[in-house]
């Protein structure tokens, strides 16, 4: 069985591969020590590279991997991101890793904790009653994009290009929108891979935070995915502001990602 940290890293890679495979312009490739999963879209975080095998030193091998990823994804003015999982660079001090990326013009943009939970803790207080709608049509995809646009301050055009893609929404990848009196206030998506339910795009509309909406839709999405997949473990990548909520729900940090752009 995969360790919790391995499940987090592999789930994220499969998440990006799924977005890449859903598009004609997407690219999925295994290079020497590097995995590429690029959706070929404007939102550069989804034009991604990962370490495929552990990095054991910060010398020529690391430089070669970064250069190889850059040659595949960074041609011309193309924007892309390298998601470095801690499980793959444990033998290299992060400062030396960052120095190697800087030599190629890439800088740390985000640190995302990776968290895992074997069984969700019960809610600490009653959750709000919401109507949950599964993302099934173009209107639902646009609403899901709009939620993410406002929650994460990403241009709407980027979010629409990302999520308004019919082949993306399959049995493996599902999304839900939480509505209050007919108004969309939150959303969450799941991808089943690596023997776990991966939780993604947990978003709450600004002005509706701290009311339990995000937790409510997330629990609904996870429960549906668990029933359909048979997986009990769930994993996610957290923003630092989301960590307290996820810890209350039973998630624990097991790894982290440094995103270089």
C-alpha atoms as a PDB file:
ATOM      1  CA  UNK A   1       0.000   0.000   0.000  1.00  0.00           C
ATOM      2  CA  UNK A   2       1.208   3.502  -0.789  1.00  0.00           C
ATOM      3  CA  UNK A   3       2.281   5.661   2.121  1.00  0.00           C
ATOM      4  CA  UNK A   4       0.180   8.755   2.769  1.00  0.00           C
ATOM      5  CA  UNK A   5       2.901  11.005   1.326  1.00  0.00           C
ATOM      6  CA  UNK A   6       3.230   8.832  -1.786  1.00  0.00           C
ATOM      7  CA  UNK A   7      -0.541   8.897  -2.276  1.00  0.00           C
ATOM      8  CA  UNK A   8      -0.594  12.702  -2.068  1.00  0.00           C
ATOM      9  CA  UNK A   9       2.161  13.095  -4.660  1.00  0.00           C
ATOM     10  CA  UNK A  10       0.816  10.492  -7.073  1.00  0.00           C
ATOM     11  CA  UNK A  11      -2.734  11.801  -6.758  1.00  0.00           C
ATOM     12  CA  UNK A  12      -1.574  15.286  -7.702  1.00  0.00           C
ATOM     13  CA  UNK A  13       0.357  13.984 -10.707  1.00  0.00           C
ATOM     14  CA  UNK A  14      -2.693  12.029 -11.881  1.00  0.00           C
ATOM     15  CA  UNK A  15      -4.812  15.144 -11.406  1.00  0.00           C
ATOM     16  CA  UNK A  16      -2.603  17.084 -13.815  1.00  0.00           C
ATOM     17  CA  UNK A  17      -2.427  14.172 -16.232  1.00  0.00           C
ATOM     18  CA  UNK A  18      -6.210  14.032 -16.292  1.00  0.00           C
ATOM     19  CA  UNK A  19      -6.447  17.710 -17.262  1.00  0.00           C
ATOM     20  CA  UNK A  20      -3.787  17.231 -19.951  1.00  0.00           C
ATOM     21  CA  UNK A  21      -5.423  14.139 -21.469  1.00  0.00           C
ATOM     22  CA  UNK A  22      -8.805  15.875 -21.657  1.00  0.00           C
ATOM     23  CA  UNK A  23      -7.464  18.337 -24.260  1.00  0.00           C
ATOM     24  CA  UNK A  24      -6.161  17.944 -27.789  1.00  0.00           C
ATOM     25  CA  UNK A  25      -3.311  20.355 -26.970  1.00  0.00           C
ATOM     26  CA  UNK A  26      -2.406  18.539 -23.773  1.00  0.00           C
ATOM     27  CA  UNK A  27       0.845  16.657 -23.359  1.00  0.00           C
ATOM     28  CA  UNK A  28       1.698  13.771 -21.055  1.00  0.00           C
ATOM     29  CA  UNK A  29       5.241  12.428 -21.208  1.00  0.00           C
ATOM     30  CA  UNK A  30       7.790  10.526 -19.155  1.00  0.00           C
ATOM     31  CA  UNK A  31      11.289  11.901 -19.607  1.00  0.00           C
ATOM     32  CA  UNK A  32      14.502  10.854 -17.889  1.00  0.00           C
ATOM     33  CA  UNK A  33      13.663  11.657 -14.270  1.00  0.00           C
ATOM     34  CA  UNK A  34      10.858  14.095 -15.136  1.00  0.00           C
ATOM     35  CA  UNK A  35       7.111  13.656 -15.641  1.00  0.00           C
ATOM     36  CA  UNK A  36       5.307  16.178 -17.838  1.00  0.00           C
ATOM     37  CA  UNK A  37       1.566  16.806 -17.602  1.00  0.00           C
ATOM     38  CA  UNK A  38       0.717  19.987 -19.483  1.00  0.00           C
ATOM     39  CA  UNK A  39      -2.826  21.025 -20.363  1.00  0.00           C
ATOM     40  CA  UNK A  40      -1.616  23.563 -22.930  1.00  0.00           C
ATOM     41  CA  UNK A  41      -3.741  26.378 -21.500  1.00  0.00           C
ATOM     42  CA  UNK A  42      -3.224  29.964 -20.384  1.00  0.00           C
ATOM     43  CA  UNK A  43      -3.314  29.080 -16.674  1.00  0.00           C
ATOM     44  CA  UNK A  44       0.365  28.142 -16.467  1.00  0.00           C
ATOM     45  CA  UNK A  45       0.104  26.209 -13.182  1.00  0.00           C
ATOM     46  CA  UNK A  46      -1.500  23.416 -15.239  1.00  0.00           C
ATOM     47  CA  UNK A  47       1.409  23.269 -17.685  1.00  0.00           C
ATOM     48  CA  UNK A  48       3.403  21.264 -15.209  1.00  0.00           C
ATOM     49  CA  UNK A  49       6.496  19.154 -14.651  1.00  0.00           C
ATOM     50  CA  UNK A  50       7.350  16.897 -11.715  1.00  0.00           C
ATOM     51  CA  UNK A  51      10.307  14.870 -10.515  1.00  0.00           C
ATOM     52  CA  UNK A  52       9.605  11.291 -11.598  1.00  0.00           C
ATOM     53  CA  UNK A  53      12.299   9.741  -9.408  1.00  0.00           C
ATOM     54  CA  UNK A  54      14.121  10.943  -6.270  1.00  0.00           C
ATOM     55  CA  UNK A  55      16.808  13.591  -6.698  1.00  0.00           C
ATOM     56  CA  UNK A  56      19.904  12.418  -4.822  1.00  0.00           C
ATOM     57  CA  UNK A  57      22.203  15.413  -5.341  1.00  0.00           C
ATOM     58  CA  UNK A  58      22.011  19.063  -6.373  1.00  0.00           C
ATOM     59  CA  UNK A  59      24.578  18.737  -9.128  1.00  0.00           C
ATOM     60  CA  UNK A  60      24.508  17.906 -12.809  1.00  0.00           C
ATOM     61  CA  UNK A  61      21.566  15.490 -12.611  1.00  0.00           C
ATOM     62  CA  UNK A  62      19.285  18.113 -11.068  1.00  0.00           C
ATOM     63  CA  UNK A  63      20.376  20.744 -13.596  1.00  0.00           C
ATOM     64  CA  UNK A  64      19.728  18.306 -16.439  1.00  0.00           C
ATOM     65  CA  UNK A  65      16.209  17.518 -15.224  1.00  0.00           C
ATOM     66  CA  UNK A  66      15.264  21.185 -14.915  1.00  0.00           C
ATOM     67  CA  UNK A  67      16.722  21.930 -18.332  1.00  0.00           C
ATOM     68  CA  UNK A  68      14.856  19.011 -19.894  1.00  0.00           C
ATOM     69  CA  UNK A  69      11.548  20.149 -18.437  1.00  0.00           C
ATOM     70  CA  UNK A  70      12.206  23.708 -19.556  1.00  0.00           C
ATOM     71  CA  UNK A  71      13.019  22.601 -23.088  1.00  0.00           C
ATOM     72  CA  UNK A  72       9.670  20.763 -23.302  1.00  0.00           C
ATOM     73  CA  UNK A  73       7.462  23.378 -21.638  1.00  0.00           C
ATOM     74  CA  UNK A  74       9.218  26.729 -21.719  1.00  0.00           C
ATOM     75  CA  UNK A  75       9.826  27.279 -25.437  1.00  0.00           C
ATOM     76  CA  UNK A  76       9.378  30.862 -26.538  1.00  0.00           C
ATOM     77  CA  UNK A  77       7.206  32.798 -24.114  1.00  0.00           C
ATOM     78  CA  UNK A  78       5.306  29.749 -22.841  1.00  0.00           C
ATOM     79  CA  UNK A  79       4.584  29.871 -19.122  1.00  0.00           C
ATOM     80  CA  UNK A  80       4.774  26.730 -17.012  1.00  0.00           C
ATOM     81  CA  UNK A  81       5.400  25.455 -13.494  1.00  0.00           C
ATOM     82  CA  UNK A  82       7.579  22.812 -11.864  1.00  0.00           C
ATOM     83  CA  UNK A  83       5.860  21.114  -8.917  1.00  0.00           C
ATOM     84  CA  UNK A  84       8.653  19.724  -6.732  1.00  0.00           C
ATOM     85  CA  UNK A  85       7.323  17.201  -4.220  1.00  0.00           C
ATOM     86  CA  UNK A  86       9.280  16.891  -0.988  1.00  0.00           C
ATOM     87  CA  UNK A  87       9.269  13.126  -1.281  1.00  0.00           C
ATOM     88  CA  UNK A  88      11.364  13.406  -4.416  1.00  0.00           C
ATOM     89  CA  UNK A  89      13.995  15.865  -3.123  1.00  0.00           C
ATOM     90  CA  UNK A  90      14.362  14.723   0.498  1.00  0.00           C
ATOM     91  CA  UNK A  91      18.108  14.158  -0.009  1.00  0.00           C
ATOM     92  CA  UNK A  92      18.690  17.710  -1.261  1.00  0.00           C
ATOM     93  CA  UNK A  93      18.443  20.809   0.980  1.00  0.00           C
ATOM     94  CA  UNK A  94      15.648  23.030  -0.265  1.00  0.00           C
ATOM     95  CA  UNK A  95      18.007  26.018  -0.480  1.00  0.00           C
ATOM     96  CA  UNK A  96      20.217  24.151  -2.951  1.00  0.00           C
ATOM     97  CA  UNK A  97      17.176  23.026  -4.900  1.00  0.00           C
ATOM     98  CA  UNK A  98      15.968  26.607  -5.153  1.00  0.00           C
ATOM     99  CA  UNK A  99      19.413  27.770  -6.232  1.00  0.00           C
ATOM    100  CA  UNK A 100      19.375  25.251  -9.098  1.00  0.00           C
ATOM    101  CA  UNK A 101      15.978  26.486 -10.282  1.00  0.00           C
ATOM    102  CA  UNK A 102      17.080  30.111 -10.012  1.00  0.00           C
ATOM    103  CA  UNK A 103      19.969  29.396 -12.375  1.00  0.00           C
ATOM    104  CA  UNK A 104      17.320  28.522 -14.984  1.00  0.00           C
ATOM    105  CA  UNK A 105      15.236  31.626 -14.256  1.00  0.00           C
ATOM    106  CA  UNK A 106      12.626  29.806 -12.143  1.00  0.00           C
ATOM    107  CA  UNK A 107      11.601  31.042  -8.700  1.00  0.00           C
ATOM    108  CA  UNK A 108       9.546  29.600  -5.823  1.00  0.00           C
ATOM    109  CA  UNK A 109       6.000  30.908  -6.157  1.00  0.00           C
ATOM    110  CA  UNK A 110       4.074  28.713  -3.701  1.00  0.00           C
ATOM    111  CA  UNK A 111       4.617  26.257  -0.873  1.00  0.00           C
ATOM    112  CA  UNK A 112       1.640  23.896  -0.672  1.00  0.00           C
ATOM    113  CA  UNK A 113       1.363  21.428   2.219  1.00  0.00           C
ATOM    114  CA  UNK A 114       0.146  17.972   1.188  1.00  0.00           C
ATOM    115  CA  UNK A 115      -2.301  16.453   3.660  1.00  0.00           C
ATOM    116  CA  UNK A 116      -3.923  13.048   4.112  1.00  0.00           C
ATOM    117  CA  UNK A 117      -6.779  11.607   6.135  1.00  0.00           C
ATOM    118  CA  UNK A 118      -7.703   7.968   6.624  1.00  0.00           C
ATOM    119  CA  UNK A 119     -11.163   8.763   8.004  1.00  0.00           C
ATOM    120  CA  UNK A 120     -12.818  12.166   8.326  1.00  0.00           C
ATOM    121  CA  UNK A 121     -13.456  13.414  11.841  1.00  0.00           C
ATOM    122  CA  UNK A 122     -17.086  14.281  12.594  1.00  0.00           C
ATOM    123  CA  UNK A 123     -18.080  17.942  12.249  1.00  0.00           C
ATOM    124  CA  UNK A 124     -17.462  19.978  15.382  1.00  0.00           C
ATOM    125  CA  UNK A 125     -20.691  21.911  14.889  1.00  0.00           C
ATOM    126  CA  UNK A 126     -23.784  21.527  12.726  1.00  0.00           C
ATOM    127  CA  UNK A 127     -23.101  22.303   9.084  1.00  0.00           C
ATOM    128  CA  UNK A 128     -25.349  24.562   7.008  1.00  0.00           C
ATOM    129  CA  UNK A 129     -28.073  23.004   4.906  1.00  0.00           C
ATOM    130  CA  UNK A 130     -27.127  23.445   1.265  1.00  0.00           C
ATOM    131  CA  UNK A 131     -28.442  22.137  -2.014  1.00  0.00           C
ATOM    132  CA  UNK A 132     -25.695  20.242  -3.832  1.00  0.00           C
ATOM    133  CA  UNK A 133     -25.593  20.153  -7.623  1.00  0.00           C
ATOM    134  CA  UNK A 134     -23.234  17.883  -9.502  1.00  0.00           C
ATOM    135  CA  UNK A 135     -21.363  19.549 -12.370  1.00  0.00           C
ATOM    136  CA  UNK A 136     -22.933  17.912 -15.432  1.00  0.00           C
ATOM    137  CA  UNK A 137     -23.393  20.499 -18.167  1.00  0.00           C
ATOM    138  CA  UNK A 138     -21.896  23.669 -19.607  1.00  0.00           C
ATOM    139  CA  UNK A 139     -23.812  25.909 -17.222  1.00  0.00           C
ATOM    140  CA  UNK A 140     -22.487  23.921 -14.274  1.00  0.00           C
ATOM    141  CA  UNK A 141     -18.942  24.080 -15.622  1.00  0.00           C
ATOM    142  CA  UNK A 142     -19.197  27.852 -16.020  1.00  0.00           C
ATOM    143  CA  UNK A 143     -20.548  28.236 -12.492  1.00  0.00           C
ATOM    144  CA  UNK A 144     -17.732  26.095 -11.123  1.00  0.00           C
ATOM    145  CA  UNK A 145     -15.243  28.275 -13.003  1.00  0.00           C
ATOM    146  CA  UNK A 146     -16.833  31.428 -11.637  1.00  0.00           C
ATOM    147  CA  UNK A 147     -16.557  30.155  -8.059  1.00  0.00           C
ATOM    148  CA  UNK A 148     -12.859  29.421  -8.493  1.00  0.00           C
ATOM    149  CA  UNK A 149     -12.261  32.739 -10.233  1.00  0.00           C
ATOM    150  CA  UNK A 150     -13.592  34.711  -7.269  1.00  0.00           C
ATOM    151  CA  UNK A 151     -12.282  32.454  -4.493  1.00  0.00           C
ATOM    152  CA  UNK A 152      -8.702  32.251  -5.792  1.00  0.00           C
ATOM    153  CA  UNK A 153      -8.470  35.597  -7.638  1.00  0.00           C
ATOM    154  CA  UNK A 154      -7.741  33.967 -10.993  1.00  0.00           C
ATOM    155  CA  UNK A 155      -8.933  35.562 -14.258  1.00  0.00           C
ATOM    156  CA  UNK A 156     -12.335  34.178 -15.216  1.00  0.00           C
ATOM    157  CA  UNK A 157     -11.136  33.439 -18.750  1.00  0.00           C
ATOM    158  CA  UNK A 158      -8.403  31.178 -17.335  1.00  0.00           C
ATOM    159  CA  UNK A 159     -10.845  29.336 -15.087  1.00  0.00           C
ATOM    160  CA  UNK A 160     -13.385  28.929 -17.871  1.00  0.00           C
ATOM    161  CA  UNK A 161     -10.744  27.523 -20.214  1.00  0.00           C
ATOM    162  CA  UNK A 162      -9.662  25.160 -17.444  1.00  0.00           C
ATOM    163  CA  UNK A 163     -13.046  23.818 -16.388  1.00  0.00           C
ATOM    164  CA  UNK A 164     -15.326  24.255 -19.429  1.00  0.00           C
ATOM    165  CA  UNK A 165     -14.011  21.074 -21.036  1.00  0.00           C
ATOM    166  CA  UNK A 166     -16.599  18.303 -21.294  1.00  0.00           C
ATOM    167  CA  UNK A 167     -14.127  15.364 -21.497  1.00  0.00           C
ATOM    168  CA  UNK A 168     -12.651  16.503 -18.165  1.00  0.00           C
ATOM    169  CA  UNK A 169     -15.740  15.573 -16.178  1.00  0.00           C
ATOM    170  CA  UNK A 170     -15.789  11.792 -15.867  1.00  0.00           C
ATOM    171  CA  UNK A 171     -16.506   9.216 -13.188  1.00  0.00           C
ATOM    172  CA  UNK A 172     -12.944   9.736 -11.930  1.00  0.00           C
ATOM    173  CA  UNK A 173     -13.243  13.520 -11.764  1.00  0.00           C
ATOM    174  CA  UNK A 174     -16.452  14.961 -10.367  1.00  0.00           C
ATOM    175  CA  UNK A 175     -17.444  18.333  -9.024  1.00  0.00           C
ATOM    176  CA  UNK A 176     -20.219  19.710  -6.838  1.00  0.00           C
ATOM    177  CA  UNK A 177     -21.623  23.170  -6.296  1.00  0.00           C
ATOM    178  CA  UNK A 178     -23.231  24.115  -3.006  1.00  0.00           C
ATOM    179  CA  UNK A 179     -26.204  26.455  -3.319  1.00  0.00           C
ATOM    180  CA  UNK A 180     -27.977  28.561  -0.717  1.00  0.00           C
ATOM    181  CA  UNK A 181     -31.456  29.673  -1.772  1.00  0.00           C
ATOM    182  CA  UNK A 182     -30.485  28.971  -5.368  1.00  0.00           C
ATOM    183  CA  UNK A 183     -27.238  30.955  -5.230  1.00  0.00           C
ATOM    184  CA  UNK A 184     -23.899  29.176  -5.736  1.00  0.00           C
ATOM    185  CA  UNK A 185     -21.740  29.822  -2.661  1.00  0.00           C
ATOM    186  CA  UNK A 186     -19.140  27.027  -2.714  1.00  0.00           C
ATOM    187  CA  UNK A 187     -17.727  24.160  -4.731  1.00  0.00           C
ATOM    188  CA  UNK A 188     -15.350  21.222  -4.592  1.00  0.00           C
ATOM    189  CA  UNK A 189     -14.074  18.499  -6.906  1.00  0.00           C
ATOM    190  CA  UNK A 190     -12.561  15.060  -6.445  1.00  0.00           C
ATOM    191  CA  UNK A 191     -10.321  12.800  -8.493  1.00  0.00           C
ATOM    192  CA  UNK A 192      -9.990   9.121  -7.550  1.00  0.00           C
ATOM    193  CA  UNK A 193      -6.427   7.868  -8.057  1.00  0.00           C
ATOM    194  CA  UNK A 194      -3.561   6.280  -6.110  1.00  0.00           C
ATOM    195  CA  UNK A 195      -6.029   4.379  -3.892  1.00  0.00           C
ATOM    196  CA  UNK A 196      -7.328   7.685  -2.540  1.00  0.00           C
ATOM    197  CA  UNK A 197      -9.908  10.382  -3.083  1.00  0.00           C
ATOM    198  CA  UNK A 198      -8.017  13.512  -4.120  1.00  0.00           C
ATOM    199  CA  UNK A 199      -9.810  16.702  -3.103  1.00  0.00           C
ATOM    200  CA  UNK A 200      -9.349  19.747  -5.332  1.00  0.00           C
ATOM    201  CA  UNK A 201     -10.727  23.228  -6.035  1.00  0.00           C
ATOM    202  CA  UNK A 202     -12.430  23.716  -2.666  1.00  0.00           C
ATOM    203  CA  UNK A 203     -13.786  27.232  -3.152  1.00  0.00           C
ATOM    204  CA  UNK A 204     -16.069  29.553  -1.239  1.00  0.00           C
ATOM    205  CA  UNK A 205     -17.484  32.712  -2.756  1.00  0.00           C
ATOM    206  CA  UNK A 206     -16.077  35.854  -1.092  1.00  0.00           C
ATOM    207  CA  UNK A 207     -18.475  37.194   1.508  1.00  0.00           C
ATOM    208  CA  UNK A 208     -19.592  33.682   2.468  1.00  0.00           C
ATOM    209  CA  UNK A 209     -16.446  32.498   4.263  1.00  0.00           C
ATOM    210  CA  UNK A 210     -16.391  31.086   7.813  1.00  0.00           C
ATOM    211  CA  UNK A 211     -19.969  29.864   7.627  1.00  0.00           C
ATOM    212  CA  UNK A 212     -19.192  26.185   7.075  1.00  0.00           C
ATOM    213  CA  UNK A 213     -20.045  26.168   3.362  1.00  0.00           C
ATOM    214  CA  UNK A 214     -16.623  24.987   2.182  1.00  0.00           C
ATOM    215  CA  UNK A 215     -16.531  22.171   4.720  1.00  0.00           C
ATOM    216  CA  UNK A 216     -20.080  21.165   3.843  1.00  0.00           C
ATOM    217  CA  UNK A 217     -19.498  20.841   0.093  1.00  0.00           C
ATOM    218  CA  UNK A 218     -16.133  19.179   0.651  1.00  0.00           C
ATOM    219  CA  UNK A 219     -17.645  16.525   2.933  1.00  0.00           C
ATOM    220  CA  UNK A 220     -20.389  15.919   0.389  1.00  0.00           C
ATOM    221  CA  UNK A 221     -17.906  15.550  -2.481  1.00  0.00           C
ATOM    222  CA  UNK A 222     -15.635  13.207  -0.503  1.00  0.00           C
ATOM    223  CA  UNK A 223     -18.544  11.037   0.666  1.00  0.00           C
ATOM    224  CA  UNK A 224     -19.844  10.650  -2.898  1.00  0.00           C
ATOM    225  CA  UNK A 225     -16.382   9.747  -4.212  1.00  0.00           C
ATOM    226  CA  UNK A 226     -15.801   7.274  -1.397  1.00  0.00           C
ATOM    227  CA  UNK A 227     -19.072   5.489  -2.167  1.00  0.00           C
ATOM    228  CA  UNK A 228     -18.307   5.323  -5.887  1.00  0.00           C
ATOM    229  CA  UNK A 229     -14.633   4.330  -5.593  1.00  0.00           C
ATOM    230  CA  UNK A 230     -14.476   2.292  -2.391  1.00  0.00           C
ATOM    231  CA  UNK A 231     -11.456   4.342  -1.217  1.00  0.00           C
ATOM    232  CA  UNK A 232     -11.480   5.550   2.384  1.00  0.00           C
ATOM    233  CA  UNK A 233      -8.304   7.652   2.367  1.00  0.00           C
ATOM    234  CA  UNK A 234      -8.562  11.212   1.061  1.00  0.00           C
ATOM    235  CA  UNK A 235      -5.727  13.581   0.212  1.00  0.00           C
ATOM    236  CA  UNK A 236      -5.333  17.238  -0.723  1.00  0.00           C
ATOM    237  CA  UNK A 237      -2.966  20.164  -1.222  1.00  0.00           C
ATOM    238  CA  UNK A 238      -3.726  22.963   1.188  1.00  0.00           C
ATOM    239  CA  UNK A 239      -3.301  26.690   1.142  1.00  0.00           C
ATOM    240  CA  UNK A 240      -1.898  27.860   4.450  1.00  0.00           C
ATOM    241  CA  UNK A 241      -5.173  29.563   5.331  1.00  0.00           C
ATOM    242  CA  UNK A 242      -7.022  26.287   4.789  1.00  0.00           C
ATOM    243  CA  UNK A 243      -4.823  24.171   7.074  1.00  0.00           C
ATOM    244  CA  UNK A 244      -6.779  24.810  10.326  1.00  0.00           C
ATOM    245  CA  UNK A 245     -10.054  23.680   8.718  1.00  0.00           C
ATOM    246  CA  UNK A 246      -8.504  20.573   7.209  1.00  0.00           C
ATOM    247  CA  UNK A 247      -6.874  19.657  10.501  1.00  0.00           C
ATOM    248  CA  UNK A 248     -10.232  19.931  12.257  1.00  0.00           C
ATOM    249  CA  UNK A 249     -11.603  17.523   9.657  1.00  0.00           C
ATOM    250  CA  UNK A 250      -8.863  14.992  10.422  1.00  0.00           C
ATOM    251  CA  UNK A 251      -6.202  15.779   7.806  1.00  0.00           C
ATOM    252  CA  UNK A 252      -2.540  15.763   8.742  1.00  0.00           C
ATOM    253  CA  UNK A 253       0.431  17.244   6.835  1.00  0.00           C
ATOM    254  CA  UNK A 254       2.496  14.427   5.291  1.00  0.00           C
ATOM    255  CA  UNK A 255       4.538  16.204   2.608  1.00  0.00           C
ATOM    256  CA  UNK A 256       4.762  19.536   0.790  1.00  0.00           C
ATOM    257  CA  UNK A 257       5.267  20.950  -2.689  1.00  0.00           C
ATOM    258  CA  UNK A 258       7.433  23.846  -3.800  1.00  0.00           C
ATOM    259  CA  UNK A 259       6.075  25.325  -7.017  1.00  0.00           C
ATOM    260  CA  UNK A 260       8.658  27.041  -9.220  1.00  0.00           C
ATOM    261  CA  UNK A 261       7.578  29.348 -12.049  1.00  0.00           C
END
